[in-house]
Amino acid sequence: MTRTLAARLRPFATGAVLVGVAAFLAACHSSGGQPSVAGTTPAATASPGSATSAAGATATSAVPAASARPSASATPGGPVNLVLTDAIRGQLVAAAARLNSLPASAYTGLVQGESYYGLDPATNTYWAGGALNPSPSSEQAQVSVQDDGGYYIFQEAAGGSWTASAEGLAGTEGATCSVHVPPALVALWHWPAGACHPAGA
């Protein structure tokens, strides 16, 4: 009698175990079986100014929409380091080209690894620094990036447009900066104190 009852109950116990396993697998499948990865998108603010982008300007990383100025790092009340988008790169190239009385197409973009971009909240002014790549087809552009044209400082007040200043010779042979990047931003960019371009630029 006992043996017969145990034989009858065994299929029910096995079925209950299988139902439990199936429920567990379904729960794992519905959650993807992996932990979710949190993604954050920096808040964007409207970009002051609307200078035209230069043809051929390139970026070194994936970037948000052209109108965004997302914060990469910040100190409360201090300067903010920003992501340099394709659109902003184009605006900087166009500003330097205007300074040199050349079309933006005379340059292919900014030199990779020598570009900086940030905001000084104290004055609500955007600052940037960069060297330009001249187009191989423009002799004037190639001449323009020598000596003082080896590095440019850009500034844009909120609601204004970018202005460029050639600072390639600053710090050599007694030459000084004609514009002064806020010291806190210079420190954030890891430039030498009081400099208007990165070391070695």
N, C-alpha and C. Protein backbone atom coordinates (compact mmCIF):
# COMPACT_ATOMS: atom_id res chain seq x y z
N MET A 1 0.84 -1.19 0.00
CA MET A 1 0.00 0.00 0.00
C MET A 1 0.87 1.25 0.00
N THR A 2 1.85 1.29 0.90
CA THR A 2 2.74 2.44 1.00
C THR A 2 3.54 2.59 -0.29
N ARG A 3 4.03 1.46 -0.83
CA ARG A 3 4.83 1.49 -2.06
C ARG A 3 3.99 2.00 -3.22
N THR A 4 2.73 1.60 -3.30
CA THR A 4 1.84 2.03 -4.38
C THR A 4 1.58 3.52 -4.29
N LEU A 5 1.34 4.06 -3.08
CA LEU A 5 1.08 5.50 -2.88
C LEU A 5 2.31 6.31 -3.26
N ALA A 6 3.49 5.85 -2.88
CA ALA A 6 4.73 6.57 -3.20
C ALA A 6 4.93 6.60 -4.71
N ALA A 7 4.60 5.51 -5.38
CA ALA A 7 4.76 5.47 -6.84
C ALA A 7 3.83 6.45 -7.50
N ARG A 8 2.59 6.60 -6.93
CA ARG A 8 1.64 7.55 -7.51
C ARG A 8 2.03 9.00 -7.25
N LEU A 9 2.66 9.30 -6.11
CA LEU A 9 3.02 10.68 -5.74
C LEU A 9 4.27 11.16 -6.47
N ARG A 10 5.16 10.22 -6.88
CA ARG A 10 6.43 10.61 -7.51
C ARG A 10 6.23 11.49 -8.75
N PRO A 11 5.31 11.19 -9.68
CA PRO A 11 5.12 12.06 -10.85
C PRO A 11 4.69 13.46 -10.46
N PHE A 12 3.83 13.57 -9.40
CA PHE A 12 3.39 14.90 -8.98
C PHE A 12 4.55 15.73 -8.43
N ALA A 13 5.45 15.13 -7.66
CA ALA A 13 6.60 15.83 -7.08
C ALA A 13 7.54 16.28 -8.19
N THR A 14 7.76 15.37 -9.16
CA THR A 14 8.63 15.71 -10.29
C THR A 14 8.03 16.86 -11.08
N GLY A 15 6.73 16.83 -11.31
CA GLY A 15 6.06 17.90 -12.05
C GLY A 15 6.17 19.23 -11.32
N ALA A 16 6.04 19.23 -10.00
CA ALA A 16 6.14 20.47 -9.23
C ALA A 16 7.53 21.07 -9.34
N VAL A 17 8.56 20.22 -9.32
CA VAL A 17 9.93 20.69 -9.47
C VAL A 17 10.12 21.32 -10.84
N LEU A 18 9.60 20.65 -11.89
CA LEU A 18 9.73 21.18 -13.25
C LEU A 18 9.02 22.51 -13.41
N VAL A 19 7.83 22.65 -12.80
CA VAL A 19 7.09 23.92 -12.86
C VAL A 19 7.90 25.01 -12.18
N GLY A 20 8.52 24.71 -11.04
CA GLY A 20 9.33 25.70 -10.32
C GLY A 20 10.54 26.14 -11.14
N VAL A 21 11.21 25.17 -11.78
CA VAL A 21 12.37 25.50 -12.62
C VAL A 21 11.94 26.36 -13.80
N ALA A 22 10.82 26.02 -14.43
CA ALA A 22 10.33 26.79 -15.57
C ALA A 22 10.00 28.22 -15.15
N ALA A 23 9.39 28.39 -13.98
CA ALA A 23 9.06 29.73 -13.49
C ALA A 23 10.33 30.54 -13.24
N PHE A 24 11.35 29.89 -12.68
CA PHE A 24 12.62 30.58 -12.41
C PHE A 24 13.27 31.04 -13.72
N LEU A 25 13.31 30.14 -14.73
CA LEU A 25 13.91 30.48 -16.02
C LEU A 25 13.14 31.60 -16.70
N ALA A 26 11.83 31.59 -16.60
CA ALA A 26 11.02 32.65 -17.21
C ALA A 26 11.33 33.98 -16.56
N ALA A 27 11.50 33.99 -15.24
CA ALA A 27 11.81 35.24 -14.53
C ALA A 27 13.17 35.76 -14.97
N CYS A 28 14.14 34.85 -15.13
CA CYS A 28 15.46 35.29 -15.58
C CYS A 28 15.41 35.84 -16.99
N HIS A 29 14.63 35.17 -17.84
CA HIS A 29 14.54 35.63 -19.24
C HIS A 29 13.88 37.00 -19.33
N SER A 30 12.85 37.24 -18.53
CA SER A 30 12.15 38.53 -18.62
C SER A 30 13.00 39.68 -18.15
N SER A 31 13.98 39.41 -17.26
CA SER A 31 14.86 40.50 -16.81
C SER A 31 16.12 40.59 -17.64
N GLY A 32 16.20 39.76 -18.70
CA GLY A 32 17.37 39.82 -19.58
C GLY A 32 18.50 38.96 -19.08
N GLY A 33 18.41 38.41 -17.87
CA GLY A 33 19.46 37.57 -17.34
C GLY A 33 20.74 38.32 -17.02
N GLN A 34 20.73 39.66 -17.15
CA GLN A 34 21.92 40.46 -16.90
C GLN A 34 21.52 41.70 -16.12
N PRO A 35 22.43 42.25 -15.34
CA PRO A 35 22.11 43.49 -14.64
C PRO A 35 22.00 44.63 -15.64
N SER A 36 21.07 45.54 -15.40
CA SER A 36 20.93 46.68 -16.30
C SER A 36 22.05 47.68 -16.07
N VAL A 37 22.42 48.38 -17.14
CA VAL A 37 23.48 49.37 -17.06
C VAL A 37 22.86 50.74 -17.09
N ALA A 38 23.12 51.54 -16.08
CA ALA A 38 22.56 52.88 -16.03
C ALA A 38 23.30 53.79 -16.99
N GLY A 39 22.56 54.51 -17.80
CA GLY A 39 23.18 55.46 -18.72
C GLY A 39 22.76 56.87 -18.35
N THR A 40 23.67 57.80 -18.41
CA THR A 40 23.33 59.18 -18.09
C THR A 40 23.60 60.06 -19.28
N THR A 41 22.74 61.01 -19.49
CA THR A 41 22.92 61.99 -20.56
C THR A 41 23.02 63.36 -19.92
N PRO A 42 24.14 64.08 -20.13
CA PRO A 42 24.29 65.40 -19.53
C PRO A 42 23.21 66.35 -20.03
N ALA A 43 22.79 67.26 -19.17
CA ALA A 43 21.82 68.27 -19.57
C ALA A 43 22.44 69.18 -20.61
N ALA A 44 21.66 69.58 -21.58
CA ALA A 44 22.16 70.45 -22.64
C ALA A 44 21.55 71.83 -22.52
N THR A 45 22.31 72.83 -22.90
CA THR A 45 21.81 74.19 -22.91
C THR A 45 21.97 74.74 -24.31
N ALA A 46 21.20 75.76 -24.61
CA ALA A 46 21.25 76.34 -25.95
C ALA A 46 22.60 76.96 -26.20
N SER A 47 23.08 76.81 -27.43
CA SER A 47 24.38 77.34 -27.81
C SER A 47 24.26 78.77 -28.28
N PRO A 48 24.92 79.72 -27.59
CA PRO A 48 24.90 81.07 -28.08
C PRO A 48 25.70 81.21 -29.35
N GLY A 49 25.31 82.13 -30.20
CA GLY A 49 26.01 82.32 -31.46
C GLY A 49 25.57 81.30 -32.48
N SER A 50 25.76 81.58 -33.73
CA SER A 50 25.35 80.63 -34.76
C SER A 50 26.30 80.67 -35.94
N ALA A 51 27.61 80.65 -35.66
CA ALA A 51 28.59 80.68 -36.74
C ALA A 51 28.49 79.41 -37.56
N THR A 52 28.81 79.50 -38.82
CA THR A 52 28.72 78.36 -39.72
C THR A 52 29.88 77.40 -39.49
N SER A 53 29.59 76.09 -39.52
CA SER A 53 30.63 75.08 -39.35
C SER A 53 31.51 75.02 -40.58
N ALA A 54 32.80 74.73 -40.35
CA ALA A 54 33.73 74.59 -41.46
C ALA A 54 33.60 73.23 -42.08
N ALA A 55 33.78 73.15 -43.37
CA ALA A 55 33.72 71.86 -44.05
C ALA A 55 34.90 71.02 -43.63
N GLY A 56 34.63 69.74 -43.35
CA GLY A 56 35.72 68.83 -43.05
C GLY A 56 36.16 68.84 -41.60
N ALA A 57 35.53 69.61 -40.72
CA ALA A 57 35.93 69.60 -39.32
C ALA A 57 35.61 68.23 -38.75
N THR A 58 36.52 67.69 -37.93
CA THR A 58 36.32 66.35 -37.41
C THR A 58 36.34 66.36 -35.90
N ALA A 59 35.73 65.34 -35.31
CA ALA A 59 35.72 65.20 -33.85
C ALA A 59 36.46 63.92 -33.49
N THR A 60 36.95 63.86 -32.25
CA THR A 60 37.69 62.68 -31.83
C THR A 60 36.81 61.71 -31.07
N SER A 61 35.55 62.06 -30.80
CA SER A 61 34.68 61.16 -30.07
C SER A 61 33.25 61.39 -30.50
N ALA A 62 32.37 60.43 -30.10
CA ALA A 62 30.97 60.59 -30.40
C ALA A 62 30.44 61.80 -29.66
N VAL A 63 29.55 62.55 -30.29
CA VAL A 63 29.09 63.79 -29.70
C VAL A 63 27.59 63.89 -29.76
N PRO A 64 26.97 64.71 -28.87
CA PRO A 64 25.54 64.91 -28.90
C PRO A 64 25.14 65.87 -30.01
N ALA A 65 23.89 66.28 -30.02
CA ALA A 65 23.38 67.19 -31.04
C ALA A 65 24.20 68.46 -31.09
N ALA A 66 24.26 69.07 -32.27
CA ALA A 66 25.12 70.22 -32.49
C ALA A 66 24.82 71.38 -31.56
N SER A 67 23.56 71.51 -31.12
CA SER A 67 23.21 72.66 -30.29
C SER A 67 23.53 72.44 -28.82
N ALA A 68 23.98 71.24 -28.46
CA ALA A 68 24.22 70.94 -27.05
C ALA A 68 25.58 71.40 -26.59
N ARG A 69 25.66 71.85 -25.34
CA ARG A 69 26.93 72.17 -24.71
C ARG A 69 26.96 71.42 -23.39
N PRO A 70 27.16 70.09 -23.42
CA PRO A 70 27.11 69.30 -22.20
C PRO A 70 28.35 69.47 -21.35
N SER A 71 28.18 69.31 -20.06
CA SER A 71 29.29 69.44 -19.13
C SER A 71 29.99 68.11 -18.95
N ALA A 72 31.32 68.12 -19.10
CA ALA A 72 32.09 66.90 -18.87
C ALA A 72 32.57 66.85 -17.42
N SER A 73 32.89 67.99 -16.86
CA SER A 73 33.30 68.05 -15.46
C SER A 73 33.11 69.46 -14.97
N ALA A 74 32.90 69.59 -13.69
CA ALA A 74 32.66 70.92 -13.14
C ALA A 74 33.01 70.97 -11.67
N THR A 75 33.33 72.14 -11.21
CA THR A 75 33.54 72.41 -9.80
C THR A 75 32.47 73.39 -9.40
N PRO A 76 31.73 73.14 -8.30
CA PRO A 76 30.66 74.06 -7.93
C PRO A 76 31.15 75.51 -7.90
N GLY A 77 30.51 76.35 -8.69
CA GLY A 77 30.87 77.77 -8.73
C GLY A 77 32.10 78.06 -9.56
N GLY A 78 32.77 77.02 -10.05
CA GLY A 78 34.00 77.20 -10.81
C GLY A 78 33.81 76.93 -12.29
N PRO A 79 34.91 76.83 -13.04
CA PRO A 79 34.82 76.61 -14.48
C PRO A 79 34.29 75.22 -14.80
N VAL A 80 33.79 75.08 -16.01
CA VAL A 80 33.21 73.82 -16.46
C VAL A 80 33.94 73.38 -17.73
N ASN A 81 34.41 72.16 -17.74
CA ASN A 81 35.04 71.59 -18.94
C ASN A 81 33.93 71.01 -19.80
N LEU A 82 33.89 71.34 -21.10
CA LEU A 82 32.80 70.92 -21.97
C LEU A 82 33.29 70.01 -23.09
N VAL A 83 32.36 69.21 -23.62
CA VAL A 83 32.65 68.34 -24.76
C VAL A 83 32.70 69.19 -26.02
N LEU A 84 33.74 69.02 -26.80
CA LEU A 84 33.92 69.79 -28.03
C LEU A 84 33.25 69.04 -29.19
N THR A 85 32.08 69.54 -29.60
CA THR A 85 31.30 68.89 -30.65
C THR A 85 31.79 69.29 -32.04
N ASP A 86 31.31 68.58 -33.05
CA ASP A 86 31.63 68.93 -34.44
C ASP A 86 31.21 70.37 -34.74
N ALA A 87 30.03 70.75 -34.27
CA ALA A 87 29.52 72.09 -34.56
C ALA A 87 30.42 73.17 -33.96
N ILE A 88 30.85 72.98 -32.71
CA ILE A 88 31.71 73.97 -32.07
C ILE A 88 33.07 73.99 -32.75
N ARG A 89 33.60 72.83 -33.11
CA ARG A 89 34.88 72.79 -33.83
C ARG A 89 34.78 73.62 -35.11
N GLY A 90 33.69 73.45 -35.84
CA GLY A 90 33.50 74.20 -37.06
C GLY A 90 33.44 75.70 -36.82
N GLN A 91 32.80 76.11 -35.73
CA GLN A 91 32.70 77.52 -35.39
C GLN A 91 34.07 78.10 -35.04
N LEU A 92 34.89 77.32 -34.35
CA LEU A 92 36.23 77.78 -33.99
C LEU A 92 37.11 77.93 -35.24
N VAL A 93 37.04 76.96 -36.12
CA VAL A 93 37.81 77.04 -37.37
C VAL A 93 37.38 78.27 -38.16
N ALA A 94 36.07 78.50 -38.23
CA ALA A 94 35.57 79.66 -38.97
C ALA A 94 36.05 80.97 -38.34
N ALA A 95 36.10 81.03 -37.01
CA ALA A 95 36.57 82.25 -36.33
C ALA A 95 38.04 82.52 -36.62
N ALA A 96 38.88 81.47 -36.58
CA ALA A 96 40.30 81.65 -36.88
C ALA A 96 40.50 82.00 -38.34
N ALA A 97 39.70 81.42 -39.21
CA ALA A 97 39.80 81.72 -40.64
C ALA A 97 39.47 83.20 -40.89
N ARG A 98 38.44 83.71 -40.21
CA ARG A 98 38.10 85.14 -40.34
C ARG A 98 39.26 86.01 -39.89
N LEU A 99 39.90 85.63 -38.79
CA LEU A 99 41.05 86.39 -38.28
C LEU A 99 42.15 86.47 -39.34
N ASN A 100 42.31 85.39 -40.10
CA ASN A 100 43.35 85.32 -41.12
C ASN A 100 42.86 85.75 -42.51
N SER A 101 41.63 86.28 -42.58
CA SER A 101 41.03 86.71 -43.85
C SER A 101 41.02 85.59 -44.89
N LEU A 102 40.70 84.39 -44.43
CA LEU A 102 40.63 83.22 -45.30
C LEU A 102 39.28 82.54 -45.13
N PRO A 103 38.82 81.78 -46.12
CA PRO A 103 37.59 81.01 -45.95
C PRO A 103 37.83 79.83 -45.01
N ALA A 104 36.80 79.40 -44.33
CA ALA A 104 36.94 78.25 -43.42
C ALA A 104 37.42 77.01 -44.17
N SER A 105 37.10 76.91 -45.45
CA SER A 105 37.51 75.75 -46.24
C SER A 105 39.03 75.68 -46.45
N ALA A 106 39.75 76.75 -46.07
CA ALA A 106 41.21 76.74 -46.17
C ALA A 106 41.82 75.85 -45.09
N TYR A 107 41.00 75.39 -44.14
CA TYR A 107 41.46 74.52 -43.06
C TYR A 107 40.62 73.24 -43.05
N THR A 108 41.23 72.16 -42.61
CA THR A 108 40.51 70.89 -42.55
C THR A 108 39.97 70.59 -41.16
N GLY A 109 40.29 71.42 -40.18
CA GLY A 109 39.79 71.21 -38.83
C GLY A 109 40.81 71.61 -37.79
N LEU A 110 40.59 71.15 -36.56
CA LEU A 110 41.50 71.41 -35.45
C LEU A 110 42.47 70.24 -35.28
N VAL A 111 43.67 70.55 -34.83
CA VAL A 111 44.67 69.50 -34.59
C VAL A 111 44.18 68.61 -33.45
N GLN A 112 44.17 67.32 -33.70
CA GLN A 112 43.70 66.37 -32.71
C GLN A 112 44.61 66.35 -31.48
N GLY A 113 43.99 66.34 -30.30
CA GLY A 113 44.74 66.26 -29.05
C GLY A 113 45.22 67.59 -28.50
N GLU A 114 44.95 68.70 -29.22
CA GLU A 114 45.39 70.01 -28.75
C GLU A 114 44.23 70.98 -28.57
N SER A 115 43.01 70.46 -28.50
CA SER A 115 41.83 71.31 -28.41
C SER A 115 41.22 71.26 -27.02
N TYR A 116 40.77 72.43 -26.55
CA TYR A 116 40.18 72.57 -25.22
C TYR A 116 38.94 73.44 -25.33
N TYR A 117 37.98 73.19 -24.42
CA TYR A 117 36.70 73.92 -24.49
C TYR A 117 36.08 73.95 -23.09
N GLY A 118 35.66 75.12 -22.65
CA GLY A 118 35.08 75.22 -21.33
C GLY A 118 34.27 76.49 -21.14
N LEU A 119 33.65 76.61 -19.98
CA LEU A 119 32.80 77.75 -19.63
C LEU A 119 33.27 78.34 -18.32
N ASP A 120 33.35 79.67 -18.28
CA ASP A 120 33.62 80.39 -17.04
C ASP A 120 32.30 80.97 -16.55
N PRO A 121 31.62 80.31 -15.58
CA PRO A 121 30.32 80.78 -15.12
C PRO A 121 30.36 82.19 -14.51
N ALA A 122 31.50 82.58 -13.97
CA ALA A 122 31.60 83.90 -13.34
C ALA A 122 31.33 85.03 -14.33
N THR A 123 31.74 84.83 -15.60
CA THR A 123 31.52 85.85 -16.62
C THR A 123 30.57 85.37 -17.71
N ASN A 124 30.09 84.13 -17.58
CA ASN A 124 29.20 83.52 -18.58
C ASN A 124 29.84 83.58 -19.97
N THR A 125 31.14 83.25 -20.01
CA THR A 125 31.90 83.28 -21.26
C THR A 125 32.45 81.89 -21.56
N TYR A 126 32.29 81.49 -22.81
CA TYR A 126 32.86 80.23 -23.28
C TYR A 126 34.28 80.49 -23.77
N TRP A 127 35.19 79.56 -23.48
CA TRP A 127 36.59 79.67 -23.89
C TRP A 127 37.00 78.39 -24.60
N ALA A 128 37.91 78.52 -25.54
CA ALA A 128 38.43 77.34 -26.23
C ALA A 128 39.85 77.63 -26.68
N GLY A 129 40.59 76.58 -26.92
CA GLY A 129 41.94 76.70 -27.45
C GLY A 129 42.17 75.61 -28.45
N GLY A 130 42.94 75.91 -29.50
CA GLY A 130 43.21 74.88 -30.48
C GLY A 130 44.17 75.34 -31.56
N ALA A 131 44.78 74.38 -32.21
CA ALA A 131 45.64 74.63 -33.37
C ALA A 131 44.88 74.16 -34.60
N LEU A 132 45.13 74.80 -35.73
CA LEU A 132 44.41 74.49 -36.96
C LEU A 132 45.23 73.63 -37.92
N ASN A 133 44.54 72.75 -38.62
CA ASN A 133 45.14 71.98 -39.70
C ASN A 133 44.87 72.71 -41.01
N PRO A 134 45.90 73.19 -41.69
CA PRO A 134 45.66 73.88 -42.96
C PRO A 134 45.38 72.88 -44.08
N SER A 135 44.61 73.31 -45.05
CA SER A 135 44.35 72.47 -46.21
C SER A 135 45.62 72.40 -47.05
N PRO A 136 45.96 71.21 -47.56
CA PRO A 136 47.14 71.09 -48.43
C PRO A 136 47.05 71.95 -49.68
N SER A 137 45.82 72.32 -50.06
CA SER A 137 45.63 73.11 -51.28
C SER A 137 45.70 74.62 -51.04
N SER A 138 45.87 75.05 -49.77
CA SER A 138 45.92 76.48 -49.48
C SER A 138 47.28 76.87 -48.90
N GLU A 139 48.07 77.50 -49.71
CA GLU A 139 49.38 77.95 -49.25
C GLU A 139 49.25 79.03 -48.18
N GLN A 140 48.25 79.90 -48.32
CA GLN A 140 48.03 80.96 -47.33
C GLN A 140 47.70 80.37 -45.97
N ALA A 141 46.87 79.32 -45.97
CA ALA A 141 46.52 78.68 -44.71
C ALA A 141 47.74 78.02 -44.08
N GLN A 142 48.60 77.42 -44.88
CA GLN A 142 49.81 76.79 -44.36
C GLN A 142 50.74 77.82 -43.72
N VAL A 143 50.81 79.00 -44.33
CA VAL A 143 51.64 80.07 -43.76
C VAL A 143 51.00 80.60 -42.47
N SER A 144 49.67 80.64 -42.44
CA SER A 144 48.96 81.23 -41.29
C SER A 144 49.14 80.45 -40.00
N VAL A 145 49.47 79.17 -40.08
CA VAL A 145 49.60 78.37 -38.86
C VAL A 145 51.04 78.33 -38.33
N GLN A 146 51.91 79.11 -38.92
CA GLN A 146 53.29 79.19 -38.43
C GLN A 146 53.40 80.28 -37.37
N ASP A 147 54.42 80.19 -36.56
CA ASP A 147 54.73 81.20 -35.54
C ASP A 147 53.51 81.52 -34.67
N ASP A 148 53.06 82.79 -34.68
CA ASP A 148 51.98 83.19 -33.79
C ASP A 148 50.68 82.45 -34.10
N GLY A 149 50.52 82.02 -35.36
CA GLY A 149 49.32 81.29 -35.75
C GLY A 149 49.36 79.82 -35.40
N GLY A 150 50.37 79.42 -34.63
CA GLY A 150 50.48 78.01 -34.24
C GLY A 150 49.46 77.58 -33.21
N TYR A 151 48.86 78.55 -32.50
CA TYR A 151 47.83 78.20 -31.51
C TYR A 151 46.89 79.39 -31.35
N TYR A 152 45.60 79.07 -31.20
CA TYR A 152 44.58 80.12 -31.08
C TYR A 152 43.79 79.98 -29.79
N ILE A 153 43.44 81.12 -29.22
CA ILE A 153 42.51 81.18 -28.10
C ILE A 153 41.22 81.78 -28.63
N PHE A 154 40.10 81.17 -28.25
CA PHE A 154 38.79 81.61 -28.69
C PHE A 154 37.94 81.97 -27.47
N GLN A 155 37.12 83.00 -27.61
CA GLN A 155 36.18 83.32 -26.54
C GLN A 155 34.85 83.76 -27.14
N GLU A 156 33.79 83.43 -26.41
CA GLU A 156 32.44 83.77 -26.86
C GLU A 156 31.59 84.11 -25.65
N ALA A 157 31.19 85.37 -25.56
CA ALA A 157 30.29 85.77 -24.49
C ALA A 157 28.90 85.24 -24.81
N ALA A 158 28.11 84.97 -23.79
CA ALA A 158 26.76 84.46 -24.00
C ALA A 158 26.00 85.40 -24.93
N GLY A 159 25.40 84.83 -25.96
CA GLY A 159 24.65 85.62 -26.92
C GLY A 159 25.50 86.25 -28.01
N GLY A 160 26.81 86.06 -27.94
CA GLY A 160 27.72 86.64 -28.93
C GLY A 160 28.20 85.60 -29.92
N SER A 161 29.35 85.87 -30.52
CA SER A 161 29.95 84.92 -31.46
C SER A 161 31.42 84.76 -31.12
N TRP A 162 32.03 83.72 -31.64
CA TRP A 162 33.41 83.42 -31.33
C TRP A 162 34.37 84.46 -31.92
N THR A 163 35.34 84.85 -31.11
CA THR A 163 36.46 85.66 -31.60
C THR A 163 37.73 84.86 -31.37
N ALA A 164 38.69 85.02 -32.27
CA ALA A 164 39.94 84.26 -32.18
C ALA A 164 41.11 85.18 -31.98
N SER A 165 42.12 84.68 -31.28
CA SER A 165 43.36 85.41 -31.04
C SER A 165 44.53 84.46 -31.27
N ALA A 166 45.49 84.86 -32.10
CA ALA A 166 46.66 84.03 -32.39
C ALA A 166 47.67 84.17 -31.25
N GLU A 167 47.96 83.06 -30.57
CA GLU A 167 48.81 83.10 -29.38
C GLU A 167 49.97 82.12 -29.45
N GLY A 168 50.36 81.69 -30.64
CA GLY A 168 51.40 80.67 -30.78
C GLY A 168 52.75 81.05 -30.23
N LEU A 169 53.10 82.34 -30.25
CA LEU A 169 54.42 82.76 -29.76
C LEU A 169 54.43 83.20 -28.30
N ALA A 170 53.26 83.24 -27.68
CA ALA A 170 53.20 83.68 -26.28
C ALA A 170 54.08 82.79 -25.40
N GLY A 171 54.88 83.42 -24.59
CA GLY A 171 55.77 82.69 -23.70
C GLY A 171 57.14 82.47 -24.28
N THR A 172 57.38 82.90 -25.52
CA THR A 172 58.72 82.77 -26.11
C THR A 172 59.26 84.15 -26.48
N GLU A 173 60.53 84.34 -26.28
CA GLU A 173 61.21 85.59 -26.65
C GLU A 173 60.50 86.83 -26.10
N GLY A 174 60.00 86.71 -24.89
CA GLY A 174 59.36 87.85 -24.23
C GLY A 174 57.94 88.14 -24.65
N ALA A 175 57.39 87.36 -25.59
CA ALA A 175 56.00 87.57 -26.03
C ALA A 175 55.03 87.14 -24.93
N THR A 176 53.97 87.91 -24.76
CA THR A 176 52.97 87.60 -23.74
C THR A 176 51.62 87.34 -24.38
N CYS A 177 50.71 86.80 -23.59
CA CYS A 177 49.36 86.51 -24.08
C CYS A 177 48.62 87.82 -24.31
N SER A 178 47.93 87.92 -25.43
CA SER A 178 47.13 89.11 -25.68
C SER A 178 45.74 88.98 -25.07
N VAL A 179 45.33 87.76 -24.76
CA VAL A 179 44.09 87.52 -24.02
C VAL A 179 44.44 86.63 -22.84
N HIS A 180 43.61 86.68 -21.81
CA HIS A 180 43.93 85.92 -20.60
C HIS A 180 42.79 84.97 -20.25
N VAL A 181 43.04 83.69 -20.44
CA VAL A 181 42.08 82.66 -20.06
C VAL A 181 41.96 82.67 -18.54
N PRO A 182 40.75 82.58 -17.98
CA PRO A 182 40.60 82.57 -16.52
C PRO A 182 41.52 81.53 -15.87
N PRO A 183 42.25 81.92 -14.82
CA PRO A 183 43.20 81.00 -14.18
C PRO A 183 42.60 79.66 -13.77
N ALA A 184 41.36 79.68 -13.29
CA ALA A 184 40.73 78.42 -12.86
C ALA A 184 40.53 77.48 -14.05
N LEU A 185 40.25 78.04 -15.22
CA LEU A 185 40.07 77.22 -16.42
C LEU A 185 41.43 76.71 -16.92
N VAL A 186 42.46 77.55 -16.82
CA VAL A 186 43.82 77.14 -17.17
C VAL A 186 44.22 75.93 -16.30
N ALA A 187 43.90 76.00 -15.02
CA ALA A 187 44.22 74.90 -14.10
C ALA A 187 43.42 73.65 -14.45
N LEU A 188 42.14 73.82 -14.81
CA LEU A 188 41.29 72.69 -15.17
C LEU A 188 41.82 71.99 -16.42
N TRP A 189 42.39 72.76 -17.34
CA TRP A 189 42.94 72.21 -18.57
C TRP A 189 44.37 71.69 -18.39
N HIS A 190 44.94 71.88 -17.19
CA HIS A 190 46.31 71.44 -16.87
C HIS A 190 47.36 72.14 -17.73
N TRP A 191 47.13 73.41 -18.02
CA TRP A 191 48.12 74.23 -18.69
C TRP A 191 49.03 74.85 -17.64
N PRO A 192 50.23 75.29 -18.00
CA PRO A 192 51.07 75.99 -17.03
C PRO A 192 50.35 77.26 -16.56
N ALA A 193 50.55 77.62 -15.31
CA ALA A 193 49.90 78.81 -14.74
C ALA A 193 50.22 80.04 -15.59
N GLY A 194 49.18 80.81 -15.90
CA GLY A 194 49.34 82.03 -16.66
C GLY A 194 49.51 81.84 -18.16
N ALA A 195 49.48 80.59 -18.64
CA ALA A 195 49.70 80.32 -20.07
C ALA A 195 48.44 80.57 -20.89
N CYS A 196 48.63 80.76 -22.18
CA CYS A 196 47.49 80.88 -23.09
C CYS A 196 47.53 79.76 -24.14
N HIS A 197 48.26 78.71 -23.84
CA HIS A 197 48.23 77.49 -24.63
C HIS A 197 48.85 76.36 -23.81
N PRO A 198 48.55 75.11 -24.18
CA PRO A 198 49.12 73.98 -23.42
C PRO A 198 50.63 73.91 -23.59
N ALA A 199 51.29 73.28 -22.65
CA ALA A 199 52.75 73.12 -22.74
C ALA A 199 53.09 72.35 -24.01
N GLY A 200 54.06 72.85 -24.74
CA GLY A 200 54.51 72.20 -25.95
C GLY A 200 53.77 72.59 -27.20
N ALA A 201 52.68 73.34 -27.05
CA ALA A 201 51.92 73.75 -28.25
C ALA A 201 52.53 74.97 -28.88
